[in-house]
């Protein structure tokens, strides 16, 4: 038989509510599905960084072009 939920939560330093939220969210996933989810999250982070960099460059160019020479 497995360990009790309270013991697992204490061991890993999480609340029971967090455990049950994760169980509800990820409980029915296979390993391949969770790996794919991780890959998508990583890719999403990279795309967000690229977008932020592009927006920063765009703002800098607009500021430069708006100045009177």
Protein backbone atom coordinates (compact mmCIF):
# COMPACT_ATOMS: atom_id res chain seq x y z
CA UNK A 1 0.00 0.00 0.00
CA UNK A 2 1.18 3.55 -0.71
CA UNK A 3 2.09 6.32 1.66
CA UNK A 4 -0.57 8.56 3.14
CA UNK A 5 -1.24 11.88 1.46
CA UNK A 6 -0.37 13.87 4.56
CA UNK A 7 3.00 12.11 4.83
CA UNK A 8 3.82 12.79 1.18
CA UNK A 9 2.86 16.44 1.49
CA UNK A 10 4.97 16.88 4.61
CA UNK A 11 7.94 15.12 2.97
CA UNK A 12 7.83 17.39 -0.09
CA UNK A 13 6.83 20.57 1.74
CA UNK A 14 3.49 21.17 0.02
CA UNK A 15 -0.03 21.57 1.32
CA UNK A 16 -2.75 18.97 0.82
CA UNK A 17 -4.66 21.50 -1.28
CA UNK A 18 -1.69 21.82 -3.63
CA UNK A 19 -1.42 18.03 -3.86
CA UNK A 20 -5.07 17.66 -4.79
CA UNK A 21 -4.91 20.54 -7.29
CA UNK A 22 -1.95 18.88 -9.01
CA UNK A 23 -3.69 15.52 -8.89
CA UNK A 24 -6.79 17.01 -10.53
CA UNK A 25 -4.70 18.77 -13.18
CA UNK A 26 -2.13 16.06 -13.98
CA UNK A 27 -3.59 12.86 -12.51
CA UNK A 28 -4.88 11.33 -15.74
CA UNK A 29 -1.80 12.05 -17.85
CA UNK A 30 0.59 9.51 -19.25
CA UNK A 31 4.33 10.15 -19.05
CA UNK A 32 4.46 11.08 -22.74
CA UNK A 33 1.68 13.63 -22.26
CA UNK A 34 3.44 15.25 -19.31
CA UNK A 35 6.72 15.37 -21.28
CA UNK A 36 4.91 17.04 -24.18
CA UNK A 37 3.34 19.54 -21.77
CA UNK A 38 6.82 20.36 -20.42
CA UNK A 39 8.15 20.82 -23.97
CA UNK A 40 5.27 23.15 -24.82
CA UNK A 41 5.81 25.18 -21.65
CA UNK A 42 9.53 25.54 -22.48
CA UNK A 43 8.75 26.56 -26.06
CA UNK A 44 6.15 29.04 -24.82
CA UNK A 45 8.71 30.61 -22.51
CA UNK A 46 11.20 31.00 -25.34
CA UNK A 47 8.55 32.57 -27.59
CA UNK A 48 7.53 35.01 -24.86
CA UNK A 49 11.16 36.06 -24.45
CA UNK A 50 11.55 36.56 -28.21
CA UNK A 51 8.38 38.65 -28.30
CA UNK A 52 9.52 40.78 -25.36
CA UNK A 53 12.89 41.39 -27.04
CA UNK A 54 11.21 42.33 -30.32
CA UNK A 55 8.83 44.71 -28.55
CA UNK A 56 11.74 46.32 -26.72
CA UNK A 57 13.64 46.79 -30.00
CA UNK A 58 10.51 48.23 -31.60
CA UNK A 59 10.03 50.71 -28.76
CA UNK A 60 13.67 51.76 -28.91
CA UNK A 61 13.44 52.37 -32.68
CA UNK A 62 10.24 54.38 -32.29
CA UNK A 63 11.88 56.53 -29.62
CA UNK A 64 14.92 57.09 -31.81
CA UNK A 65 12.88 57.99 -34.89
CA UNK A 66 10.56 60.33 -32.99
CA UNK A 67 13.41 62.64 -31.91
CA UNK A 68 13.92 65.86 -33.87
CA UNK A 69 17.29 66.14 -35.57
